[in-house]
Amino acid sequence: MTTPLPKLLLCAVCALFAAGASAEKADRNKPMNIESDALRYDDLQQVSVFTGSVVLTKGTIVIRGARVDVKQDPEGYQFGVVTAEPGKRAFFRQKREGVDEYIEGEGETIEYDGRADIVKFIKKAEMRRLRGATLADETTGDIIVYNNNTDVFTVDGGAPKGTVGGRGRVRAMLTPKQDKTTTPETPEPGPALRTTTTLGGDKK
């Protein structure tokens, strides 16, 4: 089957957005700390529900939202669903490995899978790369999935099924890579993010 042109363009955009380094690998082994106004804990189901100005940290990861549901499986892996207040978006931020760069993003819902090491931004999704405090790249879509384990991220514009384009659009702002001749002290980048044009079975 022939790949539609918009999908090819999306692949090119994702490749340009790649920063040359993966997310902070040590974060996956750090404890998860959460602050909130209220907590409901179900010991039988191993589920904790935090509500009210929730702030979650895990290593360099920072997540903020109105509600966070956290479940832990028998192996100790943690899974979180972050929900924003009506009309607002939840927030995610994480440092990149070996460089002074950060990935941050927003969505009405954010899902974090500690086992697969995946973060997903859902509805009005936006993802940014910052060099220090300076915005470098930015992309928006309906769903953005960032996979730290495989160094792949995907963007879905939310176009209706069976159509090419439609109302859903992916938008990106990209800046050139820094000139290494003028920034000799910049650390060598790690492996670049690889891209796919589909979200696999993770449809919302």
N, C-alpha and C. Protein backbone atom coordinates (compact mmCIF):
# COMPACT_ATOMS: atom_id res chain seq x y z
N MET A 1 0.84 -1.20 0.00
CA MET A 1 0.00 0.00 0.00
C MET A 1 0.87 1.24 0.00
N THR A 2 0.55 2.19 -0.84
CA THR A 2 1.33 3.42 -0.96
C THR A 2 1.14 4.29 0.28
N THR A 3 2.26 4.82 0.82
CA THR A 3 2.18 5.68 1.99
C THR A 3 1.73 7.07 1.57
N PRO A 4 0.66 7.61 2.21
CA PRO A 4 0.18 8.95 1.84
C PRO A 4 1.27 9.99 2.08
N LEU A 5 1.25 11.04 1.24
CA LEU A 5 2.25 12.10 1.34
C LEU A 5 2.30 12.72 2.72
N PRO A 6 1.15 13.03 3.37
CA PRO A 6 1.23 13.63 4.71
C PRO A 6 2.00 12.77 5.69
N LYS A 7 1.90 11.43 5.56
CA LYS A 7 2.64 10.54 6.46
C LYS A 7 4.15 10.67 6.23
N LEU A 8 4.56 10.80 4.97
CA LEU A 8 5.97 10.97 4.66
C LEU A 8 6.49 12.29 5.20
N LEU A 9 5.68 13.33 5.08
CA LEU A 9 6.07 14.63 5.62
C LEU A 9 6.18 14.57 7.12
N LEU A 10 5.27 13.85 7.78
CA LEU A 10 5.31 13.70 9.23
C LEU A 10 6.60 13.02 9.65
N CYS A 11 7.00 11.99 8.92
CA CYS A 11 8.25 11.29 9.23
C CYS A 11 9.43 12.24 9.14
N ALA A 12 9.45 13.09 8.12
CA ALA A 12 10.54 14.05 7.96
C ALA A 12 10.57 15.06 9.09
N VAL A 13 9.39 15.52 9.49
CA VAL A 13 9.32 16.48 10.60
C VAL A 13 9.86 15.86 11.88
N CYS A 14 9.46 14.62 12.16
CA CYS A 14 9.94 13.95 13.38
C CYS A 14 11.44 13.77 13.36
N ALA A 15 12.00 13.47 12.19
CA ALA A 15 13.45 13.31 12.09
C ALA A 15 14.17 14.62 12.37
N LEU A 16 13.63 15.73 11.88
CA LEU A 16 14.25 17.02 12.12
C LEU A 16 14.13 17.43 13.59
N PHE A 17 13.03 17.01 14.23
CA PHE A 17 12.82 17.37 15.63
C PHE A 17 13.77 16.62 16.55
N ALA A 18 14.26 15.46 16.10
CA ALA A 18 15.13 14.63 16.95
C ALA A 18 16.35 15.41 17.41
N ALA A 19 16.65 15.30 18.72
CA ALA A 19 17.68 16.15 19.32
C ALA A 19 19.02 15.47 19.43
N GLY A 20 19.12 14.19 19.09
CA GLY A 20 20.41 13.53 19.15
C GLY A 20 20.75 12.99 20.51
N ALA A 21 19.78 12.84 21.42
CA ALA A 21 20.03 12.25 22.72
C ALA A 21 18.72 11.74 23.27
N SER A 22 18.77 10.62 24.00
CA SER A 22 17.57 10.05 24.57
C SER A 22 17.28 10.69 25.91
N ALA A 23 16.12 10.36 26.49
CA ALA A 23 15.75 10.89 27.80
C ALA A 23 16.64 10.27 28.87
N GLU A 24 16.65 10.93 30.02
CA GLU A 24 17.52 10.51 31.13
C GLU A 24 17.22 9.07 31.52
N LYS A 25 18.18 8.15 31.28
CA LYS A 25 17.95 6.72 31.49
C LYS A 25 17.77 6.38 32.96
N ALA A 26 18.45 7.11 33.85
CA ALA A 26 18.41 6.78 35.27
C ALA A 26 17.03 7.02 35.88
N ASP A 27 16.17 7.81 35.22
CA ASP A 27 14.87 8.14 35.78
C ASP A 27 14.01 6.91 36.05
N ARG A 28 14.15 5.88 35.20
CA ARG A 28 13.28 4.72 35.32
C ARG A 28 13.48 3.99 36.65
N ASN A 29 14.65 4.13 37.29
CA ASN A 29 14.93 3.44 38.55
C ASN A 29 14.76 4.32 39.78
N LYS A 30 14.35 5.58 39.58
CA LYS A 30 14.18 6.49 40.71
C LYS A 30 12.80 6.31 41.35
N PRO A 31 12.68 6.62 42.65
CA PRO A 31 11.36 6.54 43.30
C PRO A 31 10.43 7.62 42.78
N MET A 32 9.14 7.35 42.84
CA MET A 32 8.12 8.31 42.43
C MET A 32 7.61 9.05 43.67
N ASN A 33 7.70 10.37 43.68
CA ASN A 33 7.23 11.19 44.79
C ASN A 33 6.07 12.06 44.33
N ILE A 34 5.01 12.15 45.13
CA ILE A 34 3.81 12.87 44.72
C ILE A 34 3.30 13.75 45.86
N GLU A 35 2.93 14.98 45.53
CA GLU A 35 2.27 15.90 46.46
C GLU A 35 0.88 16.23 45.91
N SER A 36 -0.10 16.32 46.81
CA SER A 36 -1.47 16.64 46.38
C SER A 36 -2.28 17.13 47.57
N ASP A 37 -3.52 17.57 47.29
CA ASP A 37 -4.43 18.00 48.35
C ASP A 37 -5.09 16.81 49.04
N ALA A 38 -5.30 15.72 48.31
CA ALA A 38 -5.98 14.55 48.89
C ALA A 38 -5.46 13.27 48.23
N LEU A 39 -5.61 12.16 48.96
CA LEU A 39 -5.16 10.85 48.48
C LEU A 39 -6.17 9.78 48.88
N ARG A 40 -6.51 8.91 47.91
CA ARG A 40 -7.29 7.70 48.20
C ARG A 40 -6.48 6.51 47.75
N TYR A 41 -6.23 5.57 48.68
CA TYR A 41 -5.37 4.42 48.38
C TYR A 41 -6.15 3.12 48.51
N ASP A 42 -6.07 2.27 47.48
CA ASP A 42 -6.70 0.96 47.48
C ASP A 42 -5.60 -0.09 47.53
N ASP A 43 -5.39 -0.69 48.73
CA ASP A 43 -4.29 -1.64 48.90
C ASP A 43 -4.52 -2.92 48.10
N LEU A 44 -5.77 -3.36 48.00
CA LEU A 44 -6.06 -4.58 47.27
C LEU A 44 -5.71 -4.45 45.79
N GLN A 45 -6.08 -3.32 45.18
CA GLN A 45 -5.81 -3.09 43.76
C GLN A 45 -4.46 -2.43 43.51
N GLN A 46 -3.78 -2.01 44.58
CA GLN A 46 -2.51 -1.30 44.47
C GLN A 46 -2.65 -0.05 43.60
N VAL A 47 -3.72 0.72 43.87
CA VAL A 47 -4.01 1.94 43.13
C VAL A 47 -4.09 3.11 44.10
N SER A 48 -3.40 4.20 43.75
CA SER A 48 -3.47 5.44 44.52
C SER A 48 -4.04 6.52 43.63
N VAL A 49 -5.00 7.30 44.16
CA VAL A 49 -5.61 8.39 43.42
C VAL A 49 -5.31 9.70 44.16
N PHE A 50 -4.52 10.56 43.53
CA PHE A 50 -4.16 11.85 44.11
C PHE A 50 -4.98 12.93 43.42
N THR A 51 -5.53 13.86 44.18
CA THR A 51 -6.34 14.94 43.61
C THR A 51 -5.95 16.28 44.22
N GLY A 52 -6.12 17.34 43.41
CA GLY A 52 -5.87 18.70 43.88
C GLY A 52 -4.45 19.16 43.73
N SER A 53 -4.17 19.91 42.67
CA SER A 53 -2.84 20.50 42.43
C SER A 53 -1.73 19.47 42.61
N VAL A 54 -1.81 18.38 41.87
CA VAL A 54 -0.87 17.27 42.03
C VAL A 54 0.46 17.59 41.35
N VAL A 55 1.56 17.30 42.05
CA VAL A 55 2.90 17.43 41.49
C VAL A 55 3.62 16.10 41.71
N LEU A 56 4.03 15.47 40.61
CA LEU A 56 4.72 14.18 40.66
C LEU A 56 6.15 14.37 40.17
N THR A 57 7.12 13.82 40.92
CA THR A 57 8.52 13.84 40.48
C THR A 57 9.07 12.43 40.52
N LYS A 58 9.94 12.14 39.54
CA LYS A 58 10.61 10.83 39.46
C LYS A 58 11.94 11.06 38.77
N GLY A 59 13.02 11.24 39.56
CA GLY A 59 14.29 11.64 38.97
C GLY A 59 14.17 13.04 38.39
N THR A 60 14.48 13.19 37.10
CA THR A 60 14.34 14.50 36.45
C THR A 60 12.94 14.74 35.90
N ILE A 61 12.05 13.74 36.02
CA ILE A 61 10.69 13.88 35.53
C ILE A 61 9.88 14.74 36.49
N VAL A 62 9.12 15.69 35.93
CA VAL A 62 8.17 16.49 36.69
C VAL A 62 6.83 16.44 35.96
N ILE A 63 5.76 16.07 36.68
CA ILE A 63 4.42 16.00 36.10
C ILE A 63 3.47 16.78 36.99
N ARG A 64 2.60 17.58 36.36
CA ARG A 64 1.61 18.35 37.13
C ARG A 64 0.23 18.18 36.50
N GLY A 65 -0.79 18.09 37.35
CA GLY A 65 -2.15 17.97 36.88
C GLY A 65 -3.14 18.10 38.03
N ALA A 66 -4.44 18.02 37.72
CA ALA A 66 -5.48 18.11 38.74
C ALA A 66 -5.68 16.77 39.44
N ARG A 67 -5.42 15.66 38.74
CA ARG A 67 -5.61 14.32 39.30
C ARG A 67 -4.58 13.38 38.70
N VAL A 68 -4.03 12.51 39.55
CA VAL A 68 -3.09 11.49 39.09
C VAL A 68 -3.50 10.15 39.69
N ASP A 69 -3.76 9.17 38.80
CA ASP A 69 -4.03 7.79 39.23
C ASP A 69 -2.76 6.99 39.01
N VAL A 70 -2.25 6.36 40.07
CA VAL A 70 -1.01 5.60 39.99
C VAL A 70 -1.28 4.15 40.39
N LYS A 71 -0.87 3.22 39.53
CA LYS A 71 -1.01 1.79 39.82
C LYS A 71 0.37 1.16 39.77
N GLN A 72 0.62 0.22 40.67
CA GLN A 72 1.91 -0.50 40.69
C GLN A 72 1.66 -1.98 40.46
N ASP A 73 2.39 -2.58 39.51
CA ASP A 73 2.19 -4.00 39.24
C ASP A 73 3.04 -4.85 40.20
N PRO A 74 2.87 -6.17 40.19
CA PRO A 74 3.60 -7.03 41.13
C PRO A 74 5.12 -6.93 41.01
N GLU A 75 5.64 -6.53 39.84
CA GLU A 75 7.09 -6.38 39.67
C GLU A 75 7.59 -5.02 40.15
N GLY A 76 6.69 -4.14 40.57
CA GLY A 76 7.09 -2.83 41.09
C GLY A 76 7.08 -1.72 40.07
N TYR A 77 6.67 -2.00 38.82
CA TYR A 77 6.59 -0.96 37.81
C TYR A 77 5.37 -0.08 38.08
N GLN A 78 5.52 1.22 37.82
CA GLN A 78 4.46 2.18 38.11
C GLN A 78 3.84 2.71 36.82
N PHE A 79 2.53 2.91 36.87
CA PHE A 79 1.78 3.40 35.73
C PHE A 79 0.92 4.58 36.22
N GLY A 80 1.00 5.70 35.54
CA GLY A 80 0.27 6.88 35.98
C GLY A 80 -0.59 7.47 34.87
N VAL A 81 -1.77 7.95 35.25
CA VAL A 81 -2.65 8.69 34.34
C VAL A 81 -2.89 10.05 34.97
N VAL A 82 -2.51 11.11 34.26
CA VAL A 82 -2.62 12.47 34.76
C VAL A 82 -3.76 13.17 34.01
N THR A 83 -4.66 13.77 34.77
CA THR A 83 -5.80 14.46 34.17
C THR A 83 -5.75 15.94 34.54
N ALA A 84 -5.96 16.80 33.57
CA ALA A 84 -5.93 18.25 33.81
C ALA A 84 -7.29 18.74 34.28
N GLU A 85 -7.30 19.94 34.85
CA GLU A 85 -8.57 20.60 35.17
C GLU A 85 -9.30 20.92 33.86
N PRO A 86 -10.63 21.00 33.91
CA PRO A 86 -11.38 21.35 32.69
C PRO A 86 -10.86 22.64 32.07
N GLY A 87 -10.61 22.60 30.77
CA GLY A 87 -10.13 23.78 30.06
C GLY A 87 -8.63 24.00 30.15
N LYS A 88 -7.92 23.12 30.89
CA LYS A 88 -6.47 23.25 31.03
C LYS A 88 -5.77 21.99 30.55
N ARG A 89 -4.44 21.99 30.61
CA ARG A 89 -3.66 20.82 30.19
C ARG A 89 -2.70 20.41 31.29
N ALA A 90 -2.48 19.11 31.41
CA ALA A 90 -1.48 18.59 32.33
C ALA A 90 -0.10 18.81 31.73
N PHE A 91 0.96 18.71 32.57
CA PHE A 91 2.31 19.10 32.16
C PHE A 91 3.30 17.98 32.47
N PHE A 92 4.28 17.81 31.57
CA PHE A 92 5.36 16.82 31.74
C PHE A 92 6.69 17.46 31.34
N ARG A 93 7.76 17.12 32.09
CA ARG A 93 9.10 17.61 31.77
C ARG A 93 10.12 16.56 32.16
N GLN A 94 11.16 16.38 31.31
CA GLN A 94 12.23 15.43 31.59
C GLN A 94 13.53 15.86 30.92
N LYS A 95 14.63 15.70 31.65
CA LYS A 95 15.96 16.03 31.10
C LYS A 95 16.38 14.96 30.11
N ARG A 96 17.19 15.38 29.13
CA ARG A 96 17.74 14.44 28.15
C ARG A 96 19.13 13.99 28.58
N GLU A 97 19.46 12.78 28.20
CA GLU A 97 20.70 12.14 28.64
C GLU A 97 21.94 12.83 28.09
N GLY A 98 22.84 13.27 28.98
CA GLY A 98 24.16 13.74 28.59
C GLY A 98 24.25 15.14 28.00
N VAL A 99 23.13 15.87 27.92
CA VAL A 99 23.15 17.22 27.36
C VAL A 99 22.26 18.13 28.22
N ASP A 100 22.49 19.44 28.09
CA ASP A 100 21.67 20.41 28.82
C ASP A 100 20.41 20.71 28.01
N GLU A 101 19.58 19.67 27.84
CA GLU A 101 18.36 19.78 27.07
C GLU A 101 17.22 19.10 27.82
N TYR A 102 16.02 19.60 27.57
CA TYR A 102 14.84 19.06 28.24
C TYR A 102 13.73 18.83 27.22
N ILE A 103 12.96 17.77 27.44
CA ILE A 103 11.73 17.55 26.70
C ILE A 103 10.59 17.89 27.65
N GLU A 104 9.67 18.72 27.20
CA GLU A 104 8.49 18.98 28.00
C GLU A 104 7.27 19.01 27.11
N GLY A 105 6.12 18.70 27.70
CA GLY A 105 4.92 18.65 26.89
C GLY A 105 3.67 18.80 27.73
N GLU A 106 2.55 18.96 27.03
CA GLU A 106 1.26 19.16 27.69
C GLU A 106 0.18 18.42 26.93
N GLY A 107 -0.88 18.08 27.63
CA GLY A 107 -2.05 17.45 27.04
C GLY A 107 -3.17 17.44 28.05
N GLU A 108 -4.41 17.27 27.58
CA GLU A 108 -5.52 17.19 28.52
C GLU A 108 -5.37 15.97 29.42
N THR A 109 -4.77 14.91 28.88
CA THR A 109 -4.44 13.72 29.65
C THR A 109 -3.01 13.31 29.32
N ILE A 110 -2.27 12.87 30.34
CA ILE A 110 -0.92 12.34 30.13
C ILE A 110 -0.87 10.95 30.75
N GLU A 111 -0.36 9.98 29.99
CA GLU A 111 -0.19 8.63 30.51
C GLU A 111 1.30 8.30 30.60
N TYR A 112 1.71 7.76 31.75
CA TYR A 112 3.11 7.36 31.93
C TYR A 112 3.16 5.87 32.23
N ASP A 113 3.91 5.12 31.41
CA ASP A 113 4.06 3.67 31.55
C ASP A 113 5.49 3.39 31.99
N GLY A 114 5.69 3.07 33.27
CA GLY A 114 7.03 2.85 33.79
C GLY A 114 7.68 1.59 33.25
N ARG A 115 6.89 0.57 32.93
CA ARG A 115 7.45 -0.68 32.40
C ARG A 115 7.99 -0.47 30.99
N ALA A 116 7.18 0.12 30.11
CA ALA A 116 7.60 0.36 28.73
C ALA A 116 8.42 1.63 28.58
N ASP A 117 8.45 2.47 29.63
CA ASP A 117 9.16 3.75 29.60
C ASP A 117 8.62 4.66 28.50
N ILE A 118 7.31 4.83 28.51
CA ILE A 118 6.62 5.62 27.49
C ILE A 118 5.77 6.69 28.16
N VAL A 119 5.77 7.90 27.60
CA VAL A 119 4.84 8.95 28.03
C VAL A 119 3.99 9.34 26.84
N LYS A 120 2.70 9.50 27.08
CA LYS A 120 1.76 9.80 26.01
C LYS A 120 0.97 11.07 26.37
N PHE A 121 0.95 12.04 25.44
CA PHE A 121 0.16 13.26 25.58
C PHE A 121 -1.09 13.12 24.72
N ILE A 122 -2.27 13.32 25.33
CA ILE A 122 -3.53 13.04 24.64
C ILE A 122 -4.42 14.28 24.64
N LYS A 123 -4.89 14.66 23.48
CA LYS A 123 -5.79 15.80 23.24
C LYS A 123 -5.06 17.13 23.47
N LYS A 124 -5.09 17.98 22.43
CA LYS A 124 -4.40 19.27 22.44
C LYS A 124 -2.95 19.07 22.88
N ALA A 125 -2.32 18.06 22.32
CA ALA A 125 -0.97 17.67 22.73
C ALA A 125 0.08 18.62 22.16
N GLU A 126 1.09 18.89 22.96
CA GLU A 126 2.20 19.75 22.55
C GLU A 126 3.48 19.22 23.18
N MET A 127 4.55 19.18 22.40
CA MET A 127 5.84 18.70 22.89
C MET A 127 6.93 19.66 22.45
N ARG A 128 7.83 20.01 23.38
CA ARG A 128 8.88 20.99 23.10
C ARG A 128 10.24 20.43 23.51
N ARG A 129 11.28 20.87 22.79
CA ARG A 129 12.66 20.60 23.20
C ARG A 129 13.32 21.92 23.53
N LEU A 130 13.93 21.99 24.71
CA LEU A 130 14.61 23.20 25.13
C LEU A 130 16.09 22.94 25.31
N ARG A 131 16.91 23.88 24.80
CA ARG A 131 18.35 23.86 25.09
C ARG A 131 18.56 24.80 26.28
N GLY A 132 18.80 24.24 27.44
CA GLY A 132 18.81 25.05 28.64
C GLY A 132 17.42 25.61 28.85
N ALA A 133 17.28 26.95 28.82
CA ALA A 133 15.97 27.58 28.96
C ALA A 133 15.43 28.10 27.63
N THR A 134 16.15 27.82 26.52
CA THR A 134 15.77 28.35 25.21
C THR A 134 14.99 27.33 24.40
N LEU A 135 13.83 27.72 23.89
CA LEU A 135 13.03 26.83 23.06
C LEU A 135 13.75 26.55 21.75
N ALA A 136 13.92 25.26 21.44
CA ALA A 136 14.59 24.85 20.21
C ALA A 136 13.58 24.35 19.18
N ASP A 137 12.77 23.35 19.55
CA ASP A 137 11.80 22.77 18.63
C ASP A 137 10.46 22.62 19.34
N GLU A 138 9.40 22.60 18.54
CA GLU A 138 8.06 22.47 19.11
C GLU A 138 7.16 21.77 18.10
N THR A 139 6.33 20.85 18.56
CA THR A 139 5.38 20.17 17.68
C THR A 139 4.06 19.98 18.41
N THR A 140 2.96 20.03 17.66
CA THR A 140 1.63 19.86 18.25
C THR A 140 0.83 18.87 17.42
N GLY A 141 -0.13 18.23 18.06
CA GLY A 141 -1.00 17.28 17.39
C GLY A 141 -2.08 16.82 18.34
N ASP A 142 -2.82 15.80 17.94
CA ASP A 142 -3.89 15.28 18.80
C ASP A 142 -3.32 14.32 19.84
N ILE A 143 -2.38 13.48 19.43
CA ILE A 143 -1.73 12.53 20.34
C ILE A 143 -0.23 12.51 20.03
N ILE A 144 0.59 12.62 21.05
CA ILE A 144 2.04 12.51 20.91
C ILE A 144 2.52 11.42 21.86
N VAL A 145 3.28 10.47 21.34
CA VAL A 145 3.82 9.38 22.15
C VAL A 145 5.34 9.44 22.11
N TYR A 146 5.96 9.53 23.29
CA TYR A 146 7.42 9.61 23.41
C TYR A 146 7.91 8.36 24.11
N ASN A 147 8.69 7.53 23.40
CA ASN A 147 9.18 6.25 23.90
C ASN A 147 10.65 6.38 24.24
N ASN A 148 10.97 6.45 25.52
CA ASN A 148 12.35 6.59 25.97
C ASN A 148 13.15 5.33 25.72
N ASN A 149 12.51 4.17 25.78
CA ASN A 149 13.21 2.89 25.66
C ASN A 149 13.73 2.65 24.25
N THR A 150 12.95 3.05 23.22
CA THR A 150 13.35 2.82 21.84
C THR A 150 13.79 4.10 21.12
N ASP A 151 13.75 5.25 21.82
CA ASP A 151 14.11 6.54 21.22
C ASP A 151 13.25 6.87 20.01
N VAL A 152 11.96 6.57 20.12
CA VAL A 152 11.00 6.86 19.04
C VAL A 152 9.90 7.74 19.59
N PHE A 153 9.50 8.77 18.83
CA PHE A 153 8.27 9.49 19.18
C PHE A 153 7.39 9.60 17.95
N THR A 154 6.08 9.61 18.19
CA THR A 154 5.12 9.68 17.10
C THR A 154 4.13 10.81 17.37
N VAL A 155 3.61 11.38 16.28
CA VAL A 155 2.63 12.46 16.39
C VAL A 155 1.45 12.12 15.49
N ASP A 156 0.25 12.16 16.06
CA ASP A 156 -0.97 11.90 15.31
C ASP A 156 -1.77 13.19 15.26
N GLY A 157 -2.08 13.66 14.05
CA GLY A 157 -2.81 14.90 13.91
C GLY A 157 -4.29 14.79 14.22
N GLY A 158 -4.79 13.57 14.36
CA GLY A 158 -6.19 13.39 14.70
C GLY A 158 -7.13 13.49 13.54
N ALA A 159 -6.65 13.23 12.30
CA ALA A 159 -7.53 13.28 11.13
C ALA A 159 -8.56 12.15 11.21
N PRO A 160 -9.77 12.38 10.71
CA PRO A 160 -10.80 11.33 10.73
C PRO A 160 -10.34 10.09 9.98
N LYS A 161 -10.80 8.92 10.44
CA LYS A 161 -10.42 7.66 9.81
C LYS A 161 -10.83 7.63 8.34
N GLY A 162 -9.97 7.05 7.52
CA GLY A 162 -10.28 6.90 6.11
C GLY A 162 -10.06 8.15 5.28
N THR A 163 -9.48 9.19 5.87
CA THR A 163 -9.22 10.42 5.12
C THR A 163 -7.74 10.75 5.17
N VAL A 164 -7.30 11.54 4.19
CA VAL A 164 -5.94 12.05 4.17
C VAL A 164 -6.01 13.53 4.50
N GLY A 165 -5.36 13.93 5.57
CA GLY A 165 -5.44 15.33 6.00
C GLY A 165 -6.63 15.53 6.91
N GLY A 166 -7.72 16.11 6.40
CA GLY A 166 -8.90 16.36 7.22
C GLY A 166 -8.64 17.50 8.20
N ARG A 167 -9.43 17.52 9.28
CA ARG A 167 -9.32 18.61 10.24
C ARG A 167 -8.05 18.50 11.08
N GLY A 168 -7.60 17.25 11.34
CA GLY A 168 -6.44 17.08 12.19
C GLY A 168 -5.16 17.47 11.47
N ARG A 169 -4.30 18.22 12.15
CA ARG A 169 -3.05 18.66 11.55
C ARG A 169 -1.93 18.54 12.57
N VAL A 170 -0.74 18.18 12.09
CA VAL A 170 0.48 18.21 12.89
C VAL A 170 1.22 19.49 12.54
N ARG A 171 1.62 20.25 13.53
CA ARG A 171 2.37 21.49 13.29
C ARG A 171 3.69 21.41 14.04
N ALA A 172 4.74 21.93 13.41
CA ALA A 172 6.06 21.88 14.02
C ALA A 172 6.83 23.16 13.75
N MET A 173 7.63 23.57 14.74
CA MET A 173 8.58 24.67 14.60
C MET A 173 9.96 24.09 14.89
N LEU A 174 10.87 24.22 13.92
CA LEU A 174 12.18 23.58 14.02
C LEU A 174 13.28 24.61 13.89
N THR A 175 14.35 24.44 14.67
CA THR A 175 15.51 25.32 14.56
C THR A 175 16.72 24.51 14.14
N PRO A 176 17.68 25.13 13.43
CA PRO A 176 18.88 24.40 13.02
C PRO A 176 19.66 23.89 14.22
N LYS A 177 20.40 22.81 13.98
CA LYS A 177 21.28 22.31 15.03
C LYS A 177 22.38 23.32 15.30
N GLN A 178 22.89 23.33 16.54
CA GLN A 178 23.96 24.25 16.89
C GLN A 178 25.22 23.92 16.11
N ASP A 179 25.96 24.97 15.69
CA ASP A 179 27.22 24.81 14.97
C ASP A 179 28.30 24.41 15.96
N LYS A 180 28.83 23.19 15.81
CA LYS A 180 29.82 22.69 16.76
C LYS A 180 31.11 23.50 16.72
N THR A 181 31.38 24.18 15.60
CA THR A 181 32.62 24.96 15.52
C THR A 181 32.56 26.19 16.40
N THR A 182 31.34 26.67 16.69
CA THR A 182 31.20 27.85 17.54
C THR A 182 30.84 27.50 18.96
N THR A 183 30.54 26.20 19.20
CA THR A 183 30.22 25.76 20.55
C THR A 183 31.04 24.51 20.88
N PRO A 184 32.37 24.66 21.02
CA PRO A 184 33.23 23.49 21.19
C PRO A 184 32.99 22.72 22.47
N GLU A 185 32.40 23.34 23.49
CA GLU A 185 32.22 22.66 24.75
C GLU A 185 30.90 21.89 24.83
N THR A 186 30.09 21.94 23.77
CA THR A 186 28.85 21.20 23.76
C THR A 186 29.14 19.71 23.72
N PRO A 187 28.53 18.90 24.62
CA PRO A 187 28.78 17.45 24.62
C PRO A 187 28.35 16.82 23.32
N GLU A 188 29.06 15.76 22.93
CA GLU A 188 28.70 15.03 21.72
C GLU A 188 27.31 14.44 21.89
N PRO A 189 26.43 14.58 20.88
CA PRO A 189 25.08 14.02 21.02
C PRO A 189 25.10 12.50 21.02
N GLY A 190 24.11 11.93 21.68
CA GLY A 190 23.94 10.49 21.68
C GLY A 190 23.17 10.06 20.44
N PRO A 191 22.62 8.83 20.45
CA PRO A 191 21.87 8.36 19.29
C PRO A 191 20.62 9.18 19.07
N ALA A 192 20.31 9.47 17.80
CA ALA A 192 19.15 10.30 17.46
C ALA A 192 17.87 9.52 17.70
N LEU A 193 16.78 10.23 17.98
CA LEU A 193 15.48 9.61 18.07
C LEU A 193 15.12 9.04 16.70
N ARG A 194 14.58 7.82 16.70
CA ARG A 194 14.07 7.25 15.47
C ARG A 194 12.57 7.49 15.43
N THR A 195 12.01 7.46 14.22
CA THR A 195 10.62 7.88 14.07
C THR A 195 9.78 6.78 13.45
N THR A 196 8.46 6.81 13.75
CA THR A 196 7.50 5.98 13.07
C THR A 196 6.36 6.88 12.65
N THR A 197 5.51 6.38 11.77
CA THR A 197 4.37 7.20 11.32
C THR A 197 3.06 6.69 11.87
N THR A 198 3.08 5.69 12.75
CA THR A 198 1.84 5.18 13.33
C THR A 198 2.00 5.07 14.83
N LEU A 199 0.84 4.95 15.51
CA LEU A 199 0.85 4.78 16.96
C LEU A 199 0.64 3.33 17.35
N GLY A 200 0.72 2.42 16.40
CA GLY A 200 0.58 1.01 16.70
C GLY A 200 -0.78 0.71 17.29
N GLY A 201 -0.80 -0.11 18.33
CA GLY A 201 -2.06 -0.50 18.95
C GLY A 201 -2.49 0.42 20.05
N ASP A 202 -1.76 1.48 20.30
CA ASP A 202 -2.05 2.37 21.42
C ASP A 202 -3.05 3.45 21.02
N LYS A 203 -4.14 3.09 20.42
CA LYS A 203 -5.13 4.08 20.02
C LYS A 203 -5.99 4.47 21.21
N LYS A 204 -6.32 5.75 21.28
CA LYS A 204 -7.16 6.24 22.37
C LYS A 204 -8.55 6.49 21.84
